Amino acid sequence: MTAQSAADTTASVTTVYQVTGMSCGHCEGAVTAELKELAGVTGVRASAATGEVAVDSAAPLDEAAVRAAVDEAGYELAGTV
């Protein structure tokens, strides 16, 4: 098995969160930067238009840690979608 094949078979979890207060690209970037700092996060896609943030991770994330990261960025985690 090649390294690429091993990466392709690695399980991943995607959780979509509702974040209030985002209104622009800068907001998306701030939330993305904070969430990427969490252990196990492999990708983040934030949308100010919908208020949704999709987080890819190696395993389910602790919601308190996600809430703290969103708070640190200056926004509020409303819950999961």
PDB file of N, CA and C in Angstrom:
ATOM      1  N   MET A   1       0.846  -1.176   0.000  1.00  0.00           N
ATOM      2  CA  MET A   1       0.000   0.000   0.000  1.00  0.00           C
ATOM      3  C   MET A   1       0.893   1.241   0.000  1.00  0.00           C
ATOM      4  N   THR A   2       0.609   2.180  -0.876  1.00  0.00           N
ATOM      5  CA  THR A   2       1.399   3.407  -0.936  1.00  0.00           C
ATOM      6  C   THR A   2       0.933   4.370   0.136  1.00  0.00           C
ATOM      7  N   ALA A   3       1.713   5.404   0.369  1.00  0.00           N
ATOM      8  CA  ALA A   3       1.340   6.411   1.368  1.00  0.00           C
ATOM      9  C   ALA A   3       0.024   7.075   0.968  1.00  0.00           C
ATOM     10  N   GLN A   4      -0.162   7.320  -0.326  1.00  0.00           N
ATOM     11  CA  GLN A   4      -1.408   7.947  -0.789  1.00  0.00           C
ATOM     12  C   GLN A   4      -2.589   7.026  -0.529  1.00  0.00           C
ATOM     13  N   SER A   5      -2.445   5.725  -0.769  1.00  0.00           N
ATOM     14  CA  SER A   5      -3.522   4.771  -0.522  1.00  0.00           C
ATOM     15  C   SER A   5      -3.877   4.740   0.951  1.00  0.00           C
ATOM     16  N   ALA A   6      -2.863   4.777   1.814  1.00  0.00           N
ATOM     17  CA  ALA A   6      -3.110   4.760   3.254  1.00  0.00           C
ATOM     18  C   ALA A   6      -3.883   6.007   3.661  1.00  0.00           C
ATOM     19  N   ALA A   7      -3.545   7.143   3.086  1.00  0.00           N
ATOM     20  CA  ALA A   7      -4.251   8.382   3.418  1.00  0.00           C
ATOM     21  C   ALA A   7      -5.696   8.314   2.949  1.00  0.00           C
ATOM     22  N   ASP A   8      -5.927   7.688   1.812  1.00  0.00           N
ATOM     23  CA  ASP A   8      -7.279   7.599   1.276  1.00  0.00           C
ATOM     24  C   ASP A   8      -8.188   6.724   2.140  1.00  0.00           C
ATOM     25  N   THR A   9      -7.615   5.767   2.862  1.00  0.00           N
ATOM     26  CA  THR A   9      -8.427   4.860   3.659  1.00  0.00           C
ATOM     27  C   THR A   9      -8.596   5.330   5.101  1.00  0.00           C
ATOM     28  N   THR A  10      -7.958   6.441   5.467  1.00  0.00           N
ATOM     29  CA  THR A  10      -8.079   6.964   6.812  1.00  0.00           C
ATOM     30  C   THR A  10      -9.489   7.505   7.020  1.00  0.00           C
ATOM     31  N   ALA A  11     -10.137   7.042   8.085  1.00  0.00           N
ATOM     32  CA  ALA A  11     -11.495   7.494   8.382  1.00  0.00           C
ATOM     33  C   ALA A  11     -11.471   8.964   8.782  1.00  0.00           C
ATOM     34  N   SER A  12     -12.520   9.656   8.424  1.00  0.00           N
ATOM     35  CA  SER A  12     -12.640  11.068   8.736  1.00  0.00           C
ATOM     36  C   SER A  12     -14.077  11.359   9.153  1.00  0.00           C
ATOM     37  N   VAL A  13     -14.221  12.316  10.038  1.00  0.00           N
ATOM     38  CA  VAL A  13     -15.532  12.742  10.513  1.00  0.00           C
ATOM     39  C   VAL A  13     -15.739  14.182  10.067  1.00  0.00           C
ATOM     40  N   THR A  14     -16.908  14.482   9.505  1.00  0.00           N
ATOM     41  CA  THR A  14     -17.246  15.858   9.170  1.00  0.00           C
ATOM     42  C   THR A  14     -18.446  16.260  10.010  1.00  0.00           C
ATOM     43  N   THR A  15     -18.291  17.341  10.761  1.00  0.00           N
ATOM     44  CA  THR A  15     -19.374  17.867  11.589  1.00  0.00           C
ATOM     45  C   THR A  15     -19.659  19.277  11.128  1.00  0.00           C
ATOM     46  N   VAL A  16     -20.934  19.606  10.953  1.00  0.00           N
ATOM     47  CA  VAL A  16     -21.321  20.948  10.528  1.00  0.00           C
ATOM     48  C   VAL A  16     -21.918  21.673  11.731  1.00  0.00           C
ATOM     49  N   TYR A  17     -21.343  22.837  12.018  1.00  0.00           N
ATOM     50  CA  TYR A  17     -21.773  23.656  13.146  1.00  0.00           C
ATOM     51  C   TYR A  17     -22.452  24.924  12.643  1.00  0.00           C
ATOM     52  N   GLN A  18     -23.387  25.448  13.421  1.00  0.00           N
ATOM     53  CA  GLN A  18     -24.012  26.740  13.135  1.00  0.00           C
ATOM     54  C   GLN A  18     -23.298  27.771  14.002  1.00  0.00           C
ATOM     55  N   VAL A  19     -22.748  28.801  13.358  1.00  0.00           N
ATOM     56  CA  VAL A  19     -22.019  29.856  14.063  1.00  0.00           C
ATOM     57  C   VAL A  19     -22.703  31.181  13.766  1.00  0.00           C
ATOM     58  N   THR A  20     -23.047  31.912  14.806  1.00  0.00           N
ATOM     59  CA  THR A  20     -23.712  33.200  14.611  1.00  0.00           C
ATOM     60  C   THR A  20     -22.697  34.338  14.662  1.00  0.00           C
ATOM     61  N   GLY A  21     -22.981  35.377  13.896  1.00  0.00           N
ATOM     62  CA  GLY A  21     -22.160  36.576  13.895  1.00  0.00           C
ATOM     63  C   GLY A  21     -21.225  36.739  12.718  1.00  0.00           C
ATOM     64  N   MET A  22     -21.027  35.687  11.921  1.00  0.00           N
ATOM     65  CA  MET A  22     -20.142  35.812  10.759  1.00  0.00           C
ATOM     66  C   MET A  22     -20.868  36.574   9.657  1.00  0.00           C
ATOM     67  N   SER A  23     -20.171  37.570   9.069  1.00  0.00           N
ATOM     68  CA  SER A  23     -20.823  38.349   8.019  1.00  0.00           C
ATOM     69  C   SER A  23     -19.955  38.594   6.795  1.00  0.00           C
ATOM     70  N   CYS A  24     -18.695  38.115   6.822  1.00  0.00           N
ATOM     71  CA  CYS A  24     -17.808  38.401   5.690  1.00  0.00           C
ATOM     72  C   CYS A  24     -16.672  37.380   5.622  1.00  0.00           C
ATOM     73  N   GLY A  25     -15.834  37.539   4.631  1.00  0.00           N
ATOM     74  CA  GLY A  25     -14.697  36.653   4.454  1.00  0.00           C
ATOM     75  C   GLY A  25     -13.722  36.718   5.621  1.00  0.00           C
ATOM     76  N   HIS A  26     -13.554  37.897   6.192  1.00  0.00           N
ATOM     77  CA  HIS A  26     -12.665  38.017   7.356  1.00  0.00           C
ATOM     78  C   HIS A  26     -13.194  37.176   8.505  1.00  0.00           C
ATOM     79  N   CYS A  27     -14.501  37.188   8.712  1.00  0.00           N
ATOM     80  CA  CYS A  27     -15.130  36.374   9.761  1.00  0.00           C
ATOM     81  C   CYS A  27     -14.854  34.894   9.511  1.00  0.00           C
ATOM     82  N   GLU A  28     -15.047  34.473   8.268  1.00  0.00           N
ATOM     83  CA  GLU A  28     -14.794  33.076   7.903  1.00  0.00           C
ATOM     84  C   GLU A  28     -13.348  32.700   8.217  1.00  0.00           C
ATOM     85  N   GLY A  29     -12.421  33.591   7.873  1.00  0.00           N
ATOM     86  CA  GLY A  29     -11.002  33.333   8.105  1.00  0.00           C
ATOM     87  C   GLY A  29     -10.656  33.238   9.580  1.00  0.00           C
ATOM     88  N   ALA A  30     -11.255  34.093  10.395  1.00  0.00           N
ATOM     89  CA  ALA A  30     -10.983  34.084  11.838  1.00  0.00           C
ATOM     90  C   ALA A  30     -11.459  32.781  12.470  1.00  0.00           C
ATOM     91  N   VAL A  31     -12.673  32.350  12.107  1.00  0.00           N
ATOM     92  CA  VAL A  31     -13.225  31.106  12.649  1.00  0.00           C
ATOM     93  C   VAL A  31     -12.394  29.920  12.155  1.00  0.00           C
ATOM     94  N   THR A  32     -12.066  29.917  10.878  1.00  0.00           N
ATOM     95  CA  THR A  32     -11.269  28.831  10.299  1.00  0.00           C
ATOM     96  C   THR A  32      -9.921  28.710  10.997  1.00  0.00           C
ATOM     97  N   ALA A  33      -9.245  29.823  11.201  1.00  0.00           N
ATOM     98  CA  ALA A  33      -7.923  29.805  11.832  1.00  0.00           C
ATOM     99  C   ALA A  33      -7.977  29.220  13.238  1.00  0.00           C
ATOM    100  N   GLU A  34      -8.963  29.611  14.015  1.00  0.00           N
ATOM    101  CA  GLU A  34      -9.072  29.098  15.388  1.00  0.00           C
ATOM    102  C   GLU A  34      -9.392  27.607  15.401  1.00  0.00           C
ATOM    103  N   LEU A  35     -10.302  27.177  14.538  1.00  0.00           N
ATOM    104  CA  LEU A  35     -10.692  25.769  14.529  1.00  0.00           C
ATOM    105  C   LEU A  35      -9.566  24.872  14.028  1.00  0.00           C
ATOM    106  N   LYS A  36      -8.753  25.368  13.104  1.00  0.00           N
ATOM    107  CA  LYS A  36      -7.635  24.571  12.585  1.00  0.00           C
ATOM    108  C   LYS A  36      -6.593  24.292  13.661  1.00  0.00           C
ATOM    109  N   GLU A  37      -6.596  25.067  14.745  1.00  0.00           N
ATOM    110  CA  GLU A  37      -5.652  24.872  15.840  1.00  0.00           C
ATOM    111  C   GLU A  37      -6.033  23.689  16.726  1.00  0.00           C
ATOM    112  N   LEU A  38      -7.273  23.205  16.634  1.00  0.00           N
ATOM    113  CA  LEU A  38      -7.714  22.097  17.471  1.00  0.00           C
ATOM    114  C   LEU A  38      -7.053  20.796  17.028  1.00  0.00           C
ATOM    115  N   ALA A  39      -6.639  19.992  17.984  1.00  0.00           N
ATOM    116  CA  ALA A  39      -6.017  18.702  17.691  1.00  0.00           C
ATOM    117  C   ALA A  39      -6.977  17.815  16.913  1.00  0.00           C
ATOM    118  N   GLY A  40      -6.475  17.219  15.834  1.00  0.00           N
ATOM    119  CA  GLY A  40      -7.269  16.295  15.047  1.00  0.00           C
ATOM    120  C   GLY A  40      -8.014  16.911  13.884  1.00  0.00           C
ATOM    121  N   VAL A  41      -8.072  18.245  13.815  1.00  0.00           N
ATOM    122  CA  VAL A  41      -8.791  18.911  12.717  1.00  0.00           C
ATOM    123  C   VAL A  41      -7.946  18.836  11.453  1.00  0.00           C
ATOM    124  N   THR A  42      -8.574  18.364  10.371  1.00  0.00           N
ATOM    125  CA  THR A  42      -7.861  18.220   9.104  1.00  0.00           C
ATOM    126  C   THR A  42      -8.357  19.200   8.043  1.00  0.00           C
ATOM    127  N   GLY A  43      -9.495  19.847   8.283  1.00  0.00           N
ATOM    128  CA  GLY A  43     -10.009  20.818   7.324  1.00  0.00           C
ATOM    129  C   GLY A  43     -11.174  21.587   7.899  1.00  0.00           C
ATOM    130  N   VAL A  44     -11.345  22.832   7.439  1.00  0.00           N
ATOM    131  CA  VAL A  44     -12.443  23.685   7.894  1.00  0.00           C
ATOM    132  C   VAL A  44     -12.959  24.471   6.701  1.00  0.00           C
ATOM    133  N   ARG A  45     -14.287  24.502   6.546  1.00  0.00           N
ATOM    134  CA  ARG A  45     -14.921  25.305   5.510  1.00  0.00           C
ATOM    135  C   ARG A  45     -16.014  26.130   6.170  1.00  0.00           C
ATOM    136  N   ALA A  46     -15.808  27.455   6.211  1.00  0.00           N
ATOM    137  CA  ALA A  46     -16.770  28.354   6.852  1.00  0.00           C
ATOM    138  C   ALA A  46     -17.502  29.166   5.793  1.00  0.00           C
ATOM    139  N   SER A  47     -18.803  29.389   6.012  1.00  0.00           N
ATOM    140  CA  SER A  47     -19.608  30.192   5.093  1.00  0.00           C
ATOM    141  C   SER A  47     -20.369  31.250   5.882  1.00  0.00           C
ATOM    142  N   ALA A  48     -19.995  32.509   5.676  1.00  0.00           N
ATOM    143  CA  ALA A  48     -20.705  33.605   6.343  1.00  0.00           C
ATOM    144  C   ALA A  48     -22.140  33.688   5.834  1.00  0.00           C
ATOM    145  N   ALA A  49     -22.351  33.341   4.562  1.00  0.00           N
ATOM    146  CA  ALA A  49     -23.690  33.431   3.961  1.00  0.00           C
ATOM    147  C   ALA A  49     -24.707  32.530   4.662  1.00  0.00           C
ATOM    148  N   THR A  50     -24.256  31.333   5.059  1.00  0.00           N
ATOM    149  CA  THR A  50     -25.169  30.388   5.708  1.00  0.00           C
ATOM    150  C   THR A  50     -24.970  30.316   7.216  1.00  0.00           C
ATOM    151  N   GLY A  51     -23.818  30.793   7.698  1.00  0.00           N
ATOM    152  CA  GLY A  51     -23.489  30.677   9.110  1.00  0.00           C
ATOM    153  C   GLY A  51     -23.029  29.288   9.483  1.00  0.00           C
ATOM    154  N   GLU A  52     -22.753  28.467   8.478  1.00  0.00           N
ATOM    155  CA  GLU A  52     -22.339  27.092   8.740  1.00  0.00           C
ATOM    156  C   GLU A  52     -20.828  26.932   8.605  1.00  0.00           C
ATOM    157  N   VAL A  53     -20.291  26.091   9.484  1.00  0.00           N
ATOM    158  CA  VAL A  53     -18.871  25.777   9.447  1.00  0.00           C
ATOM    159  C   VAL A  53     -18.739  24.260   9.458  1.00  0.00           C
ATOM    160  N   ALA A  54     -18.173  23.699   8.392  1.00  0.00           N
ATOM    161  CA  ALA A  54     -17.950  22.262   8.299  1.00  0.00           C
ATOM    162  C   ALA A  54     -16.526  21.984   8.753  1.00  0.00           C
ATOM    163  N   VAL A  55     -16.391  21.074   9.714  1.00  0.00           N
ATOM    164  CA  VAL A  55     -15.080  20.749  10.263  1.00  0.00           C
ATOM    165  C   VAL A  55     -14.796  19.272  10.021  1.00  0.00           C
ATOM    166  N   ASP A  56     -13.699  18.989   9.327  1.00  0.00           N
ATOM    167  CA  ASP A  56     -13.243  17.620   9.104  1.00  0.00           C
ATOM    168  C   ASP A  56     -12.229  17.299  10.194  1.00  0.00           C
ATOM    169  N   SER A  57     -12.358  16.122  10.782  1.00  0.00           N
ATOM    170  CA  SER A  57     -11.438  15.733  11.840  1.00  0.00           C
ATOM    171  C   SER A  57     -11.222  14.222  11.816  1.00  0.00           C
ATOM    172  N   ALA A  58     -10.141  13.814  12.438  1.00  0.00           N
ATOM    173  CA  ALA A  58      -9.794  12.394  12.483  1.00  0.00           C
ATOM    174  C   ALA A  58     -10.764  11.619  13.370  1.00  0.00           C
ATOM    175  N   ALA A  59     -11.352  12.295  14.352  1.00  0.00           N
ATOM    176  CA  ALA A  59     -12.310  11.690  15.279  1.00  0.00           C
ATOM    177  C   ALA A  59     -13.283  12.780  15.709  1.00  0.00           C
ATOM    178  N   PRO A  60     -14.413  12.402  16.280  1.00  0.00           N
ATOM    179  CA  PRO A  60     -15.350  13.433  16.750  1.00  0.00           C
ATOM    180  C   PRO A  60     -14.657  14.397  17.713  1.00  0.00           C
ATOM    181  N   LEU A  61     -14.993  15.671  17.587  1.00  0.00           N
ATOM    182  CA  LEU A  61     -14.376  16.701  18.423  1.00  0.00           C
ATOM    183  C   LEU A  61     -15.209  16.958  19.673  1.00  0.00           C
ATOM    184  N   ASP A  62     -14.547  17.410  20.723  1.00  0.00           N
ATOM    185  CA  ASP A  62     -15.219  17.811  21.945  1.00  0.00           C
ATOM    186  C   ASP A  62     -15.916  19.144  21.678  1.00  0.00           C
ATOM    187  N   GLU A  63     -17.248  19.187  21.870  1.00  0.00           N
ATOM    188  CA  GLU A  63     -17.996  20.404  21.549  1.00  0.00           C
ATOM    189  C   GLU A  63     -17.534  21.594  22.380  1.00  0.00           C
ATOM    190  N   ALA A  64     -17.108  21.362  23.612  1.00  0.00           N
ATOM    191  CA  ALA A  64     -16.624  22.460  24.450  1.00  0.00           C
ATOM    192  C   ALA A  64     -15.369  23.087  23.841  1.00  0.00           C
ATOM    193  N   ALA A  65     -14.497  22.271  23.246  1.00  0.00           N
ATOM    194  CA  ALA A  65     -13.284  22.784  22.606  1.00  0.00           C
ATOM    195  C   ALA A  65     -13.640  23.584  21.360  1.00  0.00           C
ATOM    196  N   VAL A  66     -14.625  23.093  20.587  1.00  0.00           N
ATOM    197  CA  VAL A  66     -15.074  23.811  19.396  1.00  0.00           C
ATOM    198  C   VAL A  66     -15.690  25.143  19.816  1.00  0.00           C
ATOM    199  N   ARG A  67     -16.523  25.113  20.845  1.00  0.00           N
ATOM    200  CA  ARG A  67     -17.168  26.342  21.347  1.00  0.00           C
ATOM    201  C   ARG A  67     -16.111  27.355  21.788  1.00  0.00           C
ATOM    202  N   ALA A  68     -15.085  26.894  22.500  1.00  0.00           N
ATOM    203  CA  ALA A  68     -14.025  27.788  22.971  1.00  0.00           C
ATOM    204  C   ALA A  68     -13.267  28.412  21.796  1.00  0.00           C
ATOM    205  N   ALA A  69     -13.007  27.627  20.759  1.00  0.00           N
ATOM    206  CA  ALA A  69     -12.293  28.145  19.582  1.00  0.00           C
ATOM    207  C   ALA A  69     -13.132  29.192  18.859  1.00  0.00           C
ATOM    208  N   VAL A  70     -14.425  28.919  18.699  1.00  0.00           N
ATOM    209  CA  VAL A  70     -15.320  29.878  18.035  1.00  0.00           C
ATOM    210  C   VAL A  70     -15.419  31.153  18.875  1.00  0.00           C
ATOM    211  N   ASP A  71     -15.524  30.999  20.200  1.00  0.00           N
ATOM    212  CA  ASP A  71     -15.567  32.163  21.096  1.00  0.00           C
ATOM    213  C   ASP A  71     -14.294  32.991  20.970  1.00  0.00           C
ATOM    214  N   GLU A  72     -13.156  32.303  20.891  1.00  0.00           N
ATOM    215  CA  GLU A  72     -11.865  32.989  20.767  1.00  0.00           C
ATOM    216  C   GLU A  72     -11.808  33.825  19.490  1.00  0.00           C
ATOM    217  N   ALA A  73     -12.471  33.332  18.441  1.00  0.00           N
ATOM    218  CA  ALA A  73     -12.518  34.068  17.172  1.00  0.00           C
ATOM    219  C   ALA A  73     -13.482  35.254  17.247  1.00  0.00           C
ATOM    220  N   GLY A  74     -14.329  35.282  18.287  1.00  0.00           N
ATOM    221  CA  GLY A  74     -15.247  36.405  18.449  1.00  0.00           C
ATOM    222  C   GLY A  74     -16.666  36.125  17.997  1.00  0.00           C
ATOM    223  N   TYR A  75     -17.014  34.850  17.868  1.00  0.00           N
ATOM    224  CA  TYR A  75     -18.351  34.471  17.385  1.00  0.00           C
ATOM    225  C   TYR A  75     -18.983  33.480  18.357  1.00  0.00           C
ATOM    226  N   GLU A  76     -20.213  33.078  18.076  1.00  0.00           N
ATOM    227  CA  GLU A  76     -20.922  32.187  18.981  1.00  0.00           C
ATOM    228  C   GLU A  76     -21.343  30.893  18.290  1.00  0.00           C
ATOM    229  N   LEU A  77     -21.017  29.778  18.930  1.00  0.00           N
ATOM    230  CA  LEU A  77     -21.434  28.480  18.428  1.00  0.00           C
ATOM    231  C   LEU A  77     -22.877  28.249  18.859  1.00  0.00           C
ATOM    232  N   ALA A  78     -23.777  28.085  17.879  1.00  0.00           N
ATOM    233  CA  ALA A  78     -25.189  27.873  18.174  1.00  0.00           C
ATOM    234  C   ALA A  78     -25.517  26.382  18.311  1.00  0.00           C
ATOM    235  N   GLY A  79     -24.662  25.522  17.775  1.00  0.00           N
ATOM    236  CA  GLY A  79     -24.885  24.082  17.852  1.00  0.00           C
ATOM    237  C   GLY A  79     -24.513  23.420  16.550  1.00  0.00           C
ATOM    238  N   THR A  80     -24.924  22.157  16.405  1.00  0.00           N
ATOM    239  CA  THR A  80     -24.642  21.424  15.169  1.00  0.00           C
ATOM    240  C   THR A  80     -25.862  21.500  14.255  1.00  0.00           C
ATOM    241  N   VAL A  81     -25.608  21.309  12.986  1.00  0.00           N
ATOM    242  CA  VAL A  81     -26.680  21.362  11.983  1.00  0.00           C
ATOM    243  C   VAL A  81     -27.188  19.966  11.747  1.00  0.00           C
TER     244      VAL A  81
END
